[in-house]
């Protein structure tokens, strides 16, 4: 079982092989953006014309209520996409949240920054008591301060990467609820195994805290089901290592969106996302990190269109549920390519 945060930190810093000279590092070192490249990206955002960056009409959604969630059988694992990378799991009667972001914007500001295309299918207030929250890294579209603070009183524990406990402590979260993970660390209890495993990404919430906290992905094994949640990552050999150590997986939630040539090493193309799923030795792929915020230069629907074509080419089973739709592990899912009706008009 992973120890709590007090055992993770010593006076010299973090006891992590990824931590060196005050920062965390990827296994395959990525090139930090130069000032000229950063300015070039800002210039693109200011001047480059986009095609269908946001939907032109409301997207479909299945509303959820506490009574509807309660009716889902406690003998199975149920999965509900809440938007972007936020997932609600009902794991044999207990509720887990993965990267919960309920705020209107993925931004440090309430008045500016990427605005969500639609509300979540259930409100923070209507969520049932939460057994466990898992956070992949501290970017604003994955770690949402307002959501964490609204949920923490009805949450038993929150699992975070090394360093993110500092963000939570500043927000007043009780340390007793926090468990901190380095790569390859596990938490094992009588009902599940959870492991924090590598990705190729970065972290930071301000101008001076780049890579001061770790990033990663989550393996969840409960009963007969084995799940993988990618967080954010560029494509790298680590997916094969995770597949060898923890595969096969029944379901993967794989980042598929917000990719671009200017940051290709830290976000995957849809085709690479399918390959990551194959590397993980998995059965069913659920593309996440799309359809909620405008974070790149591609059309909002492009990730779903491209990943579906790539999955078909590689004979990968893919599920693309609308927001709020319930998927139950082990049960067939009538997969509708719902975004196609939006492609002609945005």
C-alpha atoms as a PDB file:
ATOM      1  CA  UNK A   1       0.000   0.000   0.000  1.00  0.00           C
ATOM      2  CA  UNK A   2       1.296   3.456  -0.860  1.00  0.00           C
ATOM      3  CA  UNK A   3       2.242   5.557   2.123  1.00  0.00           C
ATOM      4  CA  UNK A   4       0.761   8.959   2.858  1.00  0.00           C
ATOM      5  CA  UNK A   5       2.291  12.253   1.827  1.00  0.00           C
ATOM      6  CA  UNK A   6       4.453  12.687   4.943  1.00  0.00           C
ATOM      7  CA  UNK A   7       6.514   9.645   3.991  1.00  0.00           C
ATOM      8  CA  UNK A   8       6.932  10.850   0.404  1.00  0.00           C
ATOM      9  CA  UNK A   9       8.941  13.983   1.139  1.00  0.00           C
ATOM     10  CA  UNK A  10      12.238  14.501   2.864  1.00  0.00           C
ATOM     11  CA  UNK A  11      14.447  17.556   3.401  1.00  0.00           C
ATOM     12  CA  UNK A  12      16.361  16.918   0.190  1.00  0.00           C
ATOM     13  CA  UNK A  13      13.189  16.829  -1.925  1.00  0.00           C
ATOM     14  CA  UNK A  14      11.213  13.989  -3.463  1.00  0.00           C
ATOM     15  CA  UNK A  15      12.502  10.439  -3.344  1.00  0.00           C
ATOM     16  CA  UNK A  16      11.662   9.978  -7.004  1.00  0.00           C
ATOM     17  CA  UNK A  17      13.971   8.996  -9.823  1.00  0.00           C
ATOM     18  CA  UNK A  18      11.999  11.467 -11.968  1.00  0.00           C
ATOM     19  CA  UNK A  19      12.873  14.403  -9.669  1.00  0.00           C
ATOM     20  CA  UNK A  20      16.146  16.183 -10.363  1.00  0.00           C
ATOM     21  CA  UNK A  21      17.391  19.741  -9.829  1.00  0.00           C
ATOM     22  CA  UNK A  22      14.060  20.882  -8.452  1.00  0.00           C
ATOM     23  CA  UNK A  23      11.849  19.527 -11.235  1.00  0.00           C
ATOM     24  CA  UNK A  24      10.249  16.336 -12.466  1.00  0.00           C
ATOM     25  CA  UNK A  25      11.342  14.874 -15.801  1.00  0.00           C
ATOM     26  CA  UNK A  26       9.990  12.488 -18.408  1.00  0.00           C
ATOM     27  CA  UNK A  27      11.808   9.218 -18.996  1.00  0.00           C
ATOM     28  CA  UNK A  28      12.488  10.337 -22.549  1.00  0.00           C
ATOM     29  CA  UNK A  29      13.352  13.971 -22.007  1.00  0.00           C
ATOM     30  CA  UNK A  30      11.138  16.305 -24.023  1.00  0.00           C
ATOM     31  CA  UNK A  31      12.376  19.605 -25.340  1.00  0.00           C
ATOM     32  CA  UNK A  32      11.030  22.547 -23.309  1.00  0.00           C
ATOM     33  CA  UNK A  33       9.521  25.204 -25.574  1.00  0.00           C
ATOM     34  CA  UNK A  34      11.816  28.106 -26.341  1.00  0.00           C
ATOM     35  CA  UNK A  35      10.624  31.675 -25.968  1.00  0.00           C
ATOM     36  CA  UNK A  36      10.434  32.050 -29.747  1.00  0.00           C
ATOM     37  CA  UNK A  37       8.348  28.880 -30.091  1.00  0.00           C
ATOM     38  CA  UNK A  38       6.019  29.941 -27.277  1.00  0.00           C
ATOM     39  CA  UNK A  39       5.540  33.340 -28.882  1.00  0.00           C
ATOM     40  CA  UNK A  40       4.919  31.600 -32.196  1.00  0.00           C
ATOM     41  CA  UNK A  41       2.150  29.494 -30.662  1.00  0.00           C
ATOM     42  CA  UNK A  42       0.550  32.595 -29.130  1.00  0.00           C
ATOM     43  CA  UNK A  43       0.727  34.270 -32.533  1.00  0.00           C
ATOM     44  CA  UNK A  44      -1.010  31.300 -34.130  1.00  0.00           C
ATOM     45  CA  UNK A  45      -3.817  31.473 -31.563  1.00  0.00           C
ATOM     46  CA  UNK A  46      -4.242  35.186 -32.314  1.00  0.00           C
ATOM     47  CA  UNK A  47      -4.096  35.023 -36.103  1.00  0.00           C
ATOM     48  CA  UNK A  48      -4.790  31.513 -37.393  1.00  0.00           C
ATOM     49  CA  UNK A  49      -8.251  30.861 -38.775  1.00  0.00           C
ATOM     50  CA  UNK A  50     -10.036  27.868 -37.249  1.00  0.00           C
ATOM     51  CA  UNK A  51     -12.678  25.624 -38.783  1.00  0.00           C
ATOM     52  CA  UNK A  52     -15.474  24.612 -36.382  1.00  0.00           C
ATOM     53  CA  UNK A  53     -13.564  25.191 -33.137  1.00  0.00           C
ATOM     54  CA  UNK A  54     -16.836  24.939 -31.173  1.00  0.00           C
ATOM     55  CA  UNK A  55     -20.202  23.298 -31.944  1.00  0.00           C
ATOM     56  CA  UNK A  56     -22.782  25.511 -33.645  1.00  0.00           C
ATOM     57  CA  UNK A  57     -25.690  23.918 -31.775  1.00  0.00           C
ATOM     58  CA  UNK A  58     -26.212  22.108 -28.462  1.00  0.00           C
ATOM     59  CA  UNK A  59     -24.563  18.707 -28.171  1.00  0.00           C
ATOM     60  CA  UNK A  60     -26.544  15.645 -27.088  1.00  0.00           C
ATOM     61  CA  UNK A  61     -26.414  14.649 -23.437  1.00  0.00           C
ATOM     62  CA  UNK A  62     -28.020  12.154 -21.064  1.00  0.00           C
ATOM     63  CA  UNK A  63     -28.949  13.828 -17.778  1.00  0.00           C
ATOM     64  CA  UNK A  64     -28.153  11.840 -14.645  1.00  0.00           C
ATOM     65  CA  UNK A  65     -29.825  12.061 -11.242  1.00  0.00           C
ATOM     66  CA  UNK A  66     -28.937  10.553  -7.858  1.00  0.00           C
ATOM     67  CA  UNK A  67     -31.801   8.074  -8.174  1.00  0.00           C
ATOM     68  CA  UNK A  68     -30.667   6.984 -11.638  1.00  0.00           C
ATOM     69  CA  UNK A  69     -27.148   6.363 -10.355  1.00  0.00           C
ATOM     70  CA  UNK A  70     -28.494   4.463  -7.334  1.00  0.00           C
ATOM     71  CA  UNK A  71     -30.406   2.132  -9.641  1.00  0.00           C
ATOM     72  CA  UNK A  72     -27.235   0.996 -11.423  1.00  0.00           C
ATOM     73  CA  UNK A  73     -26.506  -2.524 -10.075  1.00  0.00           C
ATOM     74  CA  UNK A  74     -23.814  -2.716  -7.388  1.00  0.00           C
ATOM     75  CA  UNK A  75     -22.596  -6.005  -8.839  1.00  0.00           C
ATOM     76  CA  UNK A  76     -20.918  -4.363 -11.849  1.00  0.00           C
ATOM     77  CA  UNK A  77     -18.631  -1.512 -12.918  1.00  0.00           C
ATOM     78  CA  UNK A  78     -20.374   1.416 -14.647  1.00  0.00           C
ATOM     79  CA  UNK A  79     -18.640   4.236 -16.539  1.00  0.00           C
ATOM     80  CA  UNK A  80     -20.027   7.692 -17.355  1.00  0.00           C
ATOM     81  CA  UNK A  81     -18.199  10.375 -19.333  1.00  0.00           C
ATOM     82  CA  UNK A  82     -18.908  13.753 -17.721  1.00  0.00           C
ATOM     83  CA  UNK A  83     -17.062  15.802 -20.342  1.00  0.00           C
ATOM     84  CA  UNK A  84     -13.438  16.276 -21.470  1.00  0.00           C
ATOM     85  CA  UNK A  85     -11.422  13.799 -19.339  1.00  0.00           C
ATOM     86  CA  UNK A  86     -13.799  13.683 -16.374  1.00  0.00           C
ATOM     87  CA  UNK A  87     -15.173  10.208 -15.690  1.00  0.00           C
ATOM     88  CA  UNK A  88     -17.601   8.988 -13.035  1.00  0.00           C
ATOM     89  CA  UNK A  89     -17.236   5.324 -12.122  1.00  0.00           C
ATOM     90  CA  UNK A  90     -19.556   3.225 -10.041  1.00  0.00           C
ATOM     91  CA  UNK A  91     -17.254   0.441  -8.879  1.00  0.00           C
ATOM     92  CA  UNK A  92     -19.338  -2.303  -7.282  1.00  0.00           C
ATOM     93  CA  UNK A  93     -21.537   0.225  -5.524  1.00  0.00           C
ATOM     94  CA  UNK A  94     -18.864   2.843  -4.713  1.00  0.00           C
ATOM     95  CA  UNK A  95     -18.379   6.044  -6.692  1.00  0.00           C
ATOM     96  CA  UNK A  96     -15.020   7.149  -8.053  1.00  0.00           C
ATOM     97  CA  UNK A  97     -14.183  10.333  -9.984  1.00  0.00           C
ATOM     98  CA  UNK A  98     -11.324  10.685 -12.460  1.00  0.00           C
ATOM     99  CA  UNK A  99     -10.009  14.228 -13.113  1.00  0.00           C
ATOM    100  CA  UNK A 100     -13.310  15.929 -12.170  1.00  0.00           C
ATOM    101  CA  UNK A 101     -13.697  19.331 -13.852  1.00  0.00           C
ATOM    102  CA  UNK A 102     -17.124  20.914 -13.420  1.00  0.00           C
ATOM    103  CA  UNK A 103     -16.187  24.581 -13.797  1.00  0.00           C
ATOM    104  CA  UNK A 104     -17.327  26.690 -16.727  1.00  0.00           C
ATOM    105  CA  UNK A 105     -13.766  27.359 -17.870  1.00  0.00           C
ATOM    106  CA  UNK A 106     -10.531  25.362 -17.899  1.00  0.00           C
ATOM    107  CA  UNK A 107      -8.593  28.384 -16.739  1.00  0.00           C
ATOM    108  CA  UNK A 108      -7.248  30.192 -13.674  1.00  0.00           C
ATOM    109  CA  UNK A 109      -9.791  32.919 -14.459  1.00  0.00           C
ATOM    110  CA  UNK A 110     -13.574  32.868 -14.192  1.00  0.00           C
ATOM    111  CA  UNK A 111     -13.917  35.461 -16.978  1.00  0.00           C
ATOM    112  CA  UNK A 112     -11.440  34.208 -19.591  1.00  0.00           C
ATOM    113  CA  UNK A 113     -10.021  30.997 -20.997  1.00  0.00           C
ATOM    114  CA  UNK A 114     -11.493  27.940 -22.726  1.00  0.00           C
ATOM    115  CA  UNK A 115     -15.217  27.696 -22.024  1.00  0.00           C
ATOM    116  CA  UNK A 116     -16.996  24.348 -21.935  1.00  0.00           C
ATOM    117  CA  UNK A 117     -19.375  23.505 -24.771  1.00  0.00           C
ATOM    118  CA  UNK A 118     -22.052  22.120 -22.447  1.00  0.00           C
ATOM    119  CA  UNK A 119     -22.791  21.632 -18.775  1.00  0.00           C
ATOM    120  CA  UNK A 120     -22.030  18.364 -17.010  1.00  0.00           C
ATOM    121  CA  UNK A 121     -24.814  15.743 -16.982  1.00  0.00           C
ATOM    122  CA  UNK A 122     -25.041  15.917 -13.198  1.00  0.00           C
ATOM    123  CA  UNK A 123     -24.237  18.765 -10.839  1.00  0.00           C
ATOM    124  CA  UNK A 124     -21.646  18.721  -8.083  1.00  0.00           C
ATOM    125  CA  UNK A 125     -24.467  19.006  -5.552  1.00  0.00           C
ATOM    126  CA  UNK A 126     -26.300  15.968  -6.929  1.00  0.00           C
ATOM    127  CA  UNK A 127     -23.285  13.679  -6.926  1.00  0.00           C
ATOM    128  CA  UNK A 128     -23.479  10.911  -4.303  1.00  0.00           C
ATOM    129  CA  UNK A 129     -20.755  10.418  -1.670  1.00  0.00           C
ATOM    130  CA  UNK A 130     -17.452   9.757  -3.418  1.00  0.00           C
ATOM    131  CA  UNK A 131     -15.157   6.936  -2.344  1.00  0.00           C
ATOM    132  CA  UNK A 132     -12.124   8.139  -4.279  1.00  0.00           C
ATOM    133  CA  UNK A 133     -10.947  10.932  -6.580  1.00  0.00           C
ATOM    134  CA  UNK A 134      -7.969  10.268  -8.869  1.00  0.00           C
ATOM    135  CA  UNK A 135      -6.015  13.192 -10.369  1.00  0.00           C
ATOM    136  CA  UNK A 136      -3.596  12.670 -13.267  1.00  0.00           C
ATOM    137  CA  UNK A 137      -1.798  16.042 -13.152  1.00  0.00           C
ATOM    138  CA  UNK A 138      -2.351  19.639 -12.153  1.00  0.00           C
ATOM    139  CA  UNK A 139      -3.304  21.376 -15.410  1.00  0.00           C
ATOM    140  CA  UNK A 140      -6.531  23.362 -15.195  1.00  0.00           C
ATOM    141  CA  UNK A 141      -8.472  21.000 -17.467  1.00  0.00           C
ATOM    142  CA  UNK A 142      -7.671  18.097 -15.100  1.00  0.00           C
ATOM    143  CA  UNK A 143      -7.328  19.605 -11.623  1.00  0.00           C
ATOM    144  CA  UNK A 144     -10.190  22.012 -10.952  1.00  0.00           C
ATOM    145  CA  UNK A 145      -9.901  23.817  -7.627  1.00  0.00           C
ATOM    146  CA  UNK A 146     -13.591  24.703  -7.335  1.00  0.00           C
ATOM    147  CA  UNK A 147     -14.664  21.131  -8.067  1.00  0.00           C
ATOM    148  CA  UNK A 148     -12.218  19.635  -5.565  1.00  0.00           C
ATOM    149  CA  UNK A 149     -13.307  22.027  -2.827  1.00  0.00           C
ATOM    150  CA  UNK A 150     -16.995  21.382  -3.540  1.00  0.00           C
ATOM    151  CA  UNK A 151     -16.461  17.619  -3.422  1.00  0.00           C
ATOM    152  CA  UNK A 152     -13.912  17.123  -0.676  1.00  0.00           C
ATOM    153  CA  UNK A 153     -16.337  17.044   2.267  1.00  0.00           C
ATOM    154  CA  UNK A 154     -18.191  14.087   0.737  1.00  0.00           C
ATOM    155  CA  UNK A 155     -15.044  12.369  -0.560  1.00  0.00           C
ATOM    156  CA  UNK A 156     -13.199   9.685   1.411  1.00  0.00           C
ATOM    157  CA  UNK A 157      -9.791  10.069  -0.221  1.00  0.00           C
ATOM    158  CA  UNK A 158      -8.021  11.759  -3.111  1.00  0.00           C
ATOM    159  CA  UNK A 159      -5.071  10.195  -4.980  1.00  0.00           C
ATOM    160  CA  UNK A 160      -2.609  12.655  -6.543  1.00  0.00           C
ATOM    161  CA  UNK A 161       0.861  12.710  -8.140  1.00  0.00           C
ATOM    162  CA  UNK A 162       3.877  13.837  -6.154  1.00  0.00           C
ATOM    163  CA  UNK A 163       3.795  17.559  -5.529  1.00  0.00           C
ATOM    164  CA  UNK A 164       0.078  18.050  -6.118  1.00  0.00           C
ATOM    165  CA  UNK A 165      -0.483  17.641  -2.383  1.00  0.00           C
ATOM    166  CA  UNK A 166       1.001  21.135  -2.151  1.00  0.00           C
ATOM    167  CA  UNK A 167      -1.806  22.576  -4.271  1.00  0.00           C
ATOM    168  CA  UNK A 168      -4.409  20.783  -2.173  1.00  0.00           C
ATOM    169  CA  UNK A 169      -2.833  21.879   1.110  1.00  0.00           C
ATOM    170  CA  UNK A 170      -2.947  25.512  -0.003  1.00  0.00           C
ATOM    171  CA  UNK A 171      -6.661  25.048  -0.697  1.00  0.00           C
ATOM    172  CA  UNK A 172      -7.265  23.706   2.803  1.00  0.00           C
ATOM    173  CA  UNK A 173      -7.805  20.036   1.953  1.00  0.00           C
ATOM    174  CA  UNK A 174      -7.327  17.756   4.966  1.00  0.00           C
ATOM    175  CA  UNK A 175      -3.973  15.962   4.628  1.00  0.00           C
ATOM    176  CA  UNK A 176      -5.499  12.779   6.024  1.00  0.00           C
ATOM    177  CA  UNK A 177      -7.563  12.449   2.854  1.00  0.00           C
ATOM    178  CA  UNK A 178      -4.594  12.766   0.494  1.00  0.00           C
ATOM    179  CA  UNK A 179      -2.493   9.876  -0.822  1.00  0.00           C
ATOM    180  CA  UNK A 180       0.508  10.788  -2.942  1.00  0.00           C
ATOM    181  CA  UNK A 181       2.000   8.631  -5.679  1.00  0.00           C
ATOM    182  CA  UNK A 182       5.229   8.336  -7.594  1.00  0.00           C
ATOM    183  CA  UNK A 183       5.320   6.342 -10.835  1.00  0.00           C
ATOM    184  CA  UNK A 184       4.739   2.600 -10.372  1.00  0.00           C
ATOM    185  CA  UNK A 185       3.461   2.980  -6.820  1.00  0.00           C
ATOM    186  CA  UNK A 186       0.380   0.964  -5.901  1.00  0.00           C
ATOM    187  CA  UNK A 187      -2.451   1.168  -3.440  1.00  0.00           C
ATOM    188  CA  UNK A 188      -3.936  -2.233  -2.678  1.00  0.00           C
ATOM    189  CA  UNK A 189      -6.905  -2.977  -0.458  1.00  0.00           C
ATOM    190  CA  UNK A 190      -9.438  -5.790  -0.193  1.00  0.00           C
ATOM    191  CA  UNK A 191     -11.524  -4.423  -3.062  1.00  0.00           C
ATOM    192  CA  UNK A 192      -9.114  -2.978  -5.621  1.00  0.00           C
ATOM    193  CA  UNK A 193      -5.614  -2.249  -6.872  1.00  0.00           C
ATOM    194  CA  UNK A 194      -4.750   1.248  -8.053  1.00  0.00           C
ATOM    195  CA  UNK A 195      -1.374   2.042  -9.613  1.00  0.00           C
ATOM    196  CA  UNK A 196       0.059   5.359 -10.777  1.00  0.00           C
ATOM    197  CA  UNK A 197       2.072   4.836 -13.968  1.00  0.00           C
ATOM    198  CA  UNK A 198       4.125   7.008 -16.344  1.00  0.00           C
ATOM    199  CA  UNK A 199       3.076   9.338 -19.124  1.00  0.00           C
ATOM    200  CA  UNK A 200       5.054  11.744 -21.297  1.00  0.00           C
ATOM    201  CA  UNK A 201       3.738  15.166 -20.390  1.00  0.00           C
ATOM    202  CA  UNK A 202       4.434  18.135 -18.084  1.00  0.00           C
ATOM    203  CA  UNK A 203       2.809  20.132 -15.287  1.00  0.00           C
ATOM    204  CA  UNK A 204       2.228  23.652 -14.041  1.00  0.00           C
ATOM    205  CA  UNK A 205      -0.503  26.074 -13.030  1.00  0.00           C
ATOM    206  CA  UNK A 206       1.386  29.380 -13.152  1.00  0.00           C
ATOM    207  CA  UNK A 207       4.429  31.144 -14.560  1.00  0.00           C
ATOM    208  CA  UNK A 208       6.980  29.795 -12.080  1.00  0.00           C
ATOM    209  CA  UNK A 209       5.911  26.235 -11.238  1.00  0.00           C
ATOM    210  CA  UNK A 210       6.656  24.356 -14.438  1.00  0.00           C
ATOM    211  CA  UNK A 211       7.245  20.626 -13.745  1.00  0.00           C
ATOM    212  CA  UNK A 212       7.315  21.163  -9.991  1.00  0.00           C
ATOM    213  CA  UNK A 213       4.696  18.397  -9.686  1.00  0.00           C
ATOM    214  CA  UNK A 214       4.524  14.968 -11.297  1.00  0.00           C
ATOM    215  CA  UNK A 215       2.113  13.792 -14.014  1.00  0.00           C
ATOM    216  CA  UNK A 216       0.931  10.316 -14.936  1.00  0.00           C
ATOM    217  CA  UNK A 217      -1.894   7.852 -15.587  1.00  0.00           C
ATOM    218  CA  UNK A 218      -3.905   5.383 -13.523  1.00  0.00           C
ATOM    219  CA  UNK A 219      -4.417   1.629 -13.550  1.00  0.00           C
ATOM    220  CA  UNK A 220      -7.567   0.421 -11.794  1.00  0.00           C
ATOM    221  CA  UNK A 221      -8.253  -3.242 -11.077  1.00  0.00           C
ATOM    222  CA  UNK A 222     -11.450  -4.160  -9.261  1.00  0.00           C
ATOM    223  CA  UNK A 223     -13.202  -7.500  -9.309  1.00  0.00           C
ATOM    224  CA  UNK A 224     -12.995  -8.900 -12.822  1.00  0.00           C
ATOM    225  CA  UNK A 225     -12.445  -5.519 -14.462  1.00  0.00           C
ATOM    226  CA  UNK A 226      -9.197  -3.813 -15.378  1.00  0.00           C
ATOM    227  CA  UNK A 227      -9.243  -0.155 -16.493  1.00  0.00           C
ATOM    228  CA  UNK A 228      -6.625   2.309 -17.691  1.00  0.00           C
ATOM    229  CA  UNK A 229      -7.008   6.105 -17.534  1.00  0.00           C
ATOM    230  CA  UNK A 230      -4.364   7.959 -19.536  1.00  0.00           C
ATOM    231  CA  UNK A 231      -4.484  11.519 -18.276  1.00  0.00           C
ATOM    232  CA  UNK A 232      -2.448  13.444 -20.884  1.00  0.00           C
ATOM    233  CA  UNK A 233       0.526  12.080 -22.784  1.00  0.00           C
ATOM    234  CA  UNK A 234       2.527  12.104 -25.940  1.00  0.00           C
ATOM    235  CA  UNK A 235       3.076   8.720 -27.530  1.00  0.00           C
ATOM    236  CA  UNK A 236       5.991   6.808 -25.971  1.00  0.00           C
ATOM    237  CA  UNK A 237       7.244   3.292 -25.221  1.00  0.00           C
ATOM    238  CA  UNK A 238       5.836   3.491 -21.707  1.00  0.00           C
ATOM    239  CA  UNK A 239       2.451   2.276 -22.912  1.00  0.00           C
ATOM    240  CA  UNK A 240       4.024  -1.072 -23.810  1.00  0.00           C
ATOM    241  CA  UNK A 241       5.647  -1.275 -20.363  1.00  0.00           C
ATOM    242  CA  UNK A 242       2.304  -0.611 -18.670  1.00  0.00           C
ATOM    243  CA  UNK A 243       0.634  -3.232 -20.842  1.00  0.00           C
ATOM    244  CA  UNK A 244       3.270  -5.804 -19.933  1.00  0.00           C
ATOM    245  CA  UNK A 245       3.021  -5.076 -16.203  1.00  0.00           C
ATOM    246  CA  UNK A 246      -0.723  -4.625 -15.797  1.00  0.00           C
ATOM    247  CA  UNK A 247      -2.462  -5.779 -18.967  1.00  0.00           C
ATOM    248  CA  UNK A 248      -4.636  -6.994 -20.411  1.00  0.00           C
ATOM    249  CA  UNK A 249      -7.168  -4.213 -19.826  1.00  0.00           C
ATOM    250  CA  UNK A 250     -10.887  -4.457 -20.386  1.00  0.00           C
ATOM    251  CA  UNK A 251     -11.283  -0.704 -21.005  1.00  0.00           C
ATOM    252  CA  UNK A 252      -8.978   2.223 -21.692  1.00  0.00           C
ATOM    253  CA  UNK A 253      -9.813   5.913 -21.388  1.00  0.00           C
ATOM    254  CA  UNK A 254      -7.261   7.372 -23.802  1.00  0.00           C
ATOM    255  CA  UNK A 255      -6.465  11.038 -24.464  1.00  0.00           C
ATOM    256  CA  UNK A 256      -7.681  11.871 -27.977  1.00  0.00           C
ATOM    257  CA  UNK A 257      -7.757  15.612 -28.579  1.00  0.00           C
ATOM    258  CA  UNK A 258      -5.922  18.956 -28.260  1.00  0.00           C
ATOM    259  CA  UNK A 259      -3.048  17.681 -30.413  1.00  0.00           C
ATOM    260  CA  UNK A 260      -0.898  19.822 -32.686  1.00  0.00           C
ATOM    261  CA  UNK A 261       2.414  19.763 -34.540  1.00  0.00           C
ATOM    262  CA  UNK A 262       3.787  22.383 -32.156  1.00  0.00           C
ATOM    263  CA  UNK A 263       3.387  20.132 -29.104  1.00  0.00           C
ATOM    264  CA  UNK A 264       3.519  16.666 -30.665  1.00  0.00           C
ATOM    265  CA  UNK A 265       5.724  15.178 -27.944  1.00  0.00           C
ATOM    266  CA  UNK A 266       3.237  15.818 -25.111  1.00  0.00           C
ATOM    267  CA  UNK A 267      -0.145  15.147 -26.788  1.00  0.00           C
ATOM    268  CA  UNK A 268      -0.973  12.241 -29.109  1.00  0.00           C
ATOM    269  CA  UNK A 269      -2.656  12.328 -32.485  1.00  0.00           C
ATOM    270  CA  UNK A 270      -5.791  10.142 -32.699  1.00  0.00           C
ATOM    271  CA  UNK A 271      -3.823   7.552 -34.641  1.00  0.00           C
ATOM    272  CA  UNK A 272      -1.210   7.405 -31.892  1.00  0.00           C
ATOM    273  CA  UNK A 273      -3.979   7.104 -29.307  1.00  0.00           C
ATOM    274  CA  UNK A 274      -5.193   3.943 -31.029  1.00  0.00           C
ATOM    275  CA  UNK A 275      -1.644   2.598 -31.059  1.00  0.00           C
ATOM    276  CA  UNK A 276      -1.317   3.351 -27.344  1.00  0.00           C
ATOM    277  CA  UNK A 277      -4.476   1.322 -26.742  1.00  0.00           C
ATOM    278  CA  UNK A 278      -2.966  -1.572 -28.716  1.00  0.00           C
ATOM    279  CA  UNK A 279       0.312  -1.277 -26.788  1.00  0.00           C
ATOM    280  CA  UNK A 280      -1.626  -1.477 -23.514  1.00  0.00           C
ATOM    281  CA  UNK A 281      -3.080  -4.846 -24.557  1.00  0.00           C
ATOM    282  CA  UNK A 282      -6.660  -3.702 -24.151  1.00  0.00           C
ATOM    283  CA  UNK A 283     -10.108  -4.637 -25.411  1.00  0.00           C
ATOM    284  CA  UNK A 284     -12.333  -1.532 -25.623  1.00  0.00           C
ATOM    285  CA  UNK A 285     -11.129   2.047 -26.119  1.00  0.00           C
ATOM    286  CA  UNK A 286     -13.019   5.148 -24.951  1.00  0.00           C
ATOM    287  CA  UNK A 287     -11.536   8.371 -26.382  1.00  0.00           C
ATOM    288  CA  UNK A 288     -11.425  11.225 -23.850  1.00  0.00           C
ATOM    289  CA  UNK A 289      -9.987  14.775 -23.742  1.00  0.00           C
ATOM    290  CA  UNK A 290     -12.304  15.955 -26.509  1.00  0.00           C
ATOM    291  CA  UNK A 291     -15.705  17.470 -27.194  1.00  0.00           C
ATOM    292  CA  UNK A 292     -15.738  19.899 -24.247  1.00  0.00           C
ATOM    293  CA  UNK A 293     -13.091  22.651 -24.541  1.00  0.00           C
ATOM    294  CA  UNK A 294     -11.398  24.365 -27.484  1.00  0.00           C
ATOM    295  CA  UNK A 295      -7.735  23.773 -26.654  1.00  0.00           C
ATOM    296  CA  UNK A 296      -6.039  23.445 -30.065  1.00  0.00           C
ATOM    297  CA  UNK A 297      -6.437  24.343 -33.745  1.00  0.00           C
ATOM    298  CA  UNK A 298      -8.411  21.353 -35.051  1.00  0.00           C
ATOM    299  CA  UNK A 299     -12.184  21.171 -35.420  1.00  0.00           C
ATOM    300  CA  UNK A 300     -13.925  20.121 -32.209  1.00  0.00           C
ATOM    301  CA  UNK A 301     -15.190  16.900 -33.820  1.00  0.00           C
ATOM    302  CA  UNK A 302     -11.959  15.964 -35.634  1.00  0.00           C
ATOM    303  CA  UNK A 303     -10.503  13.799 -32.822  1.00  0.00           C
ATOM    304  CA  UNK A 304     -13.596  11.575 -32.751  1.00  0.00           C
ATOM    305  CA  UNK A 305     -13.708  11.284 -36.531  1.00  0.00           C
ATOM    306  CA  UNK A 306     -10.017  10.443 -36.887  1.00  0.00           C
ATOM    307  CA  UNK A 307      -9.856   8.041 -33.945  1.00  0.00           C
ATOM    308  CA  UNK A 308     -12.880   6.124 -35.242  1.00  0.00           C
ATOM    309  CA  UNK A 309     -11.265   5.670 -38.652  1.00  0.00           C
ATOM    310  CA  UNK A 310      -7.966   4.596 -37.099  1.00  0.00           C
ATOM    311  CA  UNK A 311      -9.735   2.138 -34.804  1.00  0.00           C
ATOM    312  CA  UNK A 312     -11.529   0.602 -37.766  1.00  0.00           C
ATOM    313  CA  UNK A 313      -8.270   0.271 -39.704  1.00  0.00           C
ATOM    314  CA  UNK A 314      -6.638  -1.545 -36.775  1.00  0.00           C
ATOM    315  CA  UNK A 315      -9.733  -3.572 -35.847  1.00  0.00           C
ATOM    316  CA  UNK A 316      -9.909  -1.917 -32.436  1.00  0.00           C
ATOM    317  CA  UNK A 317     -13.239  -1.871 -30.622  1.00  0.00           C
ATOM    318  CA  UNK A 318     -14.111   1.721 -29.787  1.00  0.00           C
ATOM    319  CA  UNK A 319     -16.914   3.250 -27.718  1.00  0.00           C
ATOM    320  CA  UNK A 320     -17.807   6.915 -28.218  1.00  0.00           C
ATOM    321  CA  UNK A 321     -20.670   7.560 -25.781  1.00  0.00           C
ATOM    322  CA  UNK A 322     -22.385  10.908 -25.572  1.00  0.00           C
ATOM    323  CA  UNK A 323     -21.862  12.820 -22.361  1.00  0.00           C
ATOM    324  CA  UNK A 324     -23.845  11.288 -19.497  1.00  0.00           C
ATOM    325  CA  UNK A 325     -24.434   7.935 -21.166  1.00  0.00           C
ATOM    326  CA  UNK A 326     -23.856   4.890 -18.945  1.00  0.00           C
ATOM    327  CA  UNK A 327     -21.555   2.111 -20.124  1.00  0.00           C
ATOM    328  CA  UNK A 328     -21.539  -1.073 -18.082  1.00  0.00           C
ATOM    329  CA  UNK A 329     -18.427  -3.229 -18.147  1.00  0.00           C
ATOM    330  CA  UNK A 330     -18.952  -6.525 -19.891  1.00  0.00           C
ATOM    331  CA  UNK A 331     -22.114  -5.423 -21.674  1.00  0.00           C
ATOM    332  CA  UNK A 332     -22.302  -4.631 -25.371  1.00  0.00           C
ATOM    333  CA  UNK A 333     -22.718  -0.980 -26.300  1.00  0.00           C
ATOM    334  CA  UNK A 334     -24.659   0.292 -29.314  1.00  0.00           C
ATOM    335  CA  UNK A 335     -22.041   2.720 -30.546  1.00  0.00           C
ATOM    336  CA  UNK A 336     -23.458   5.745 -32.371  1.00  0.00           C
ATOM    337  CA  UNK A 337     -21.164   8.123 -34.229  1.00  0.00           C
ATOM    338  CA  UNK A 338     -23.219  10.998 -32.889  1.00  0.00           C
ATOM    339  CA  UNK A 339     -20.898  13.843 -33.929  1.00  0.00           C
ATOM    340  CA  UNK A 340     -21.309  13.143 -37.675  1.00  0.00           C
ATOM    341  CA  UNK A 341     -24.596  15.033 -37.808  1.00  0.00           C
ATOM    342  CA  UNK A 342     -22.729  18.136 -36.560  1.00  0.00           C
ATOM    343  CA  UNK A 343     -19.888  18.043 -39.075  1.00  0.00           C
ATOM    344  CA  UNK A 344     -21.638  19.859 -41.905  1.00  0.00           C
ATOM    345  CA  UNK A 345     -22.500  22.880 -39.792  1.00  0.00           C
ATOM    346  CA  UNK A 346     -19.926  22.781 -36.992  1.00  0.00           C
END
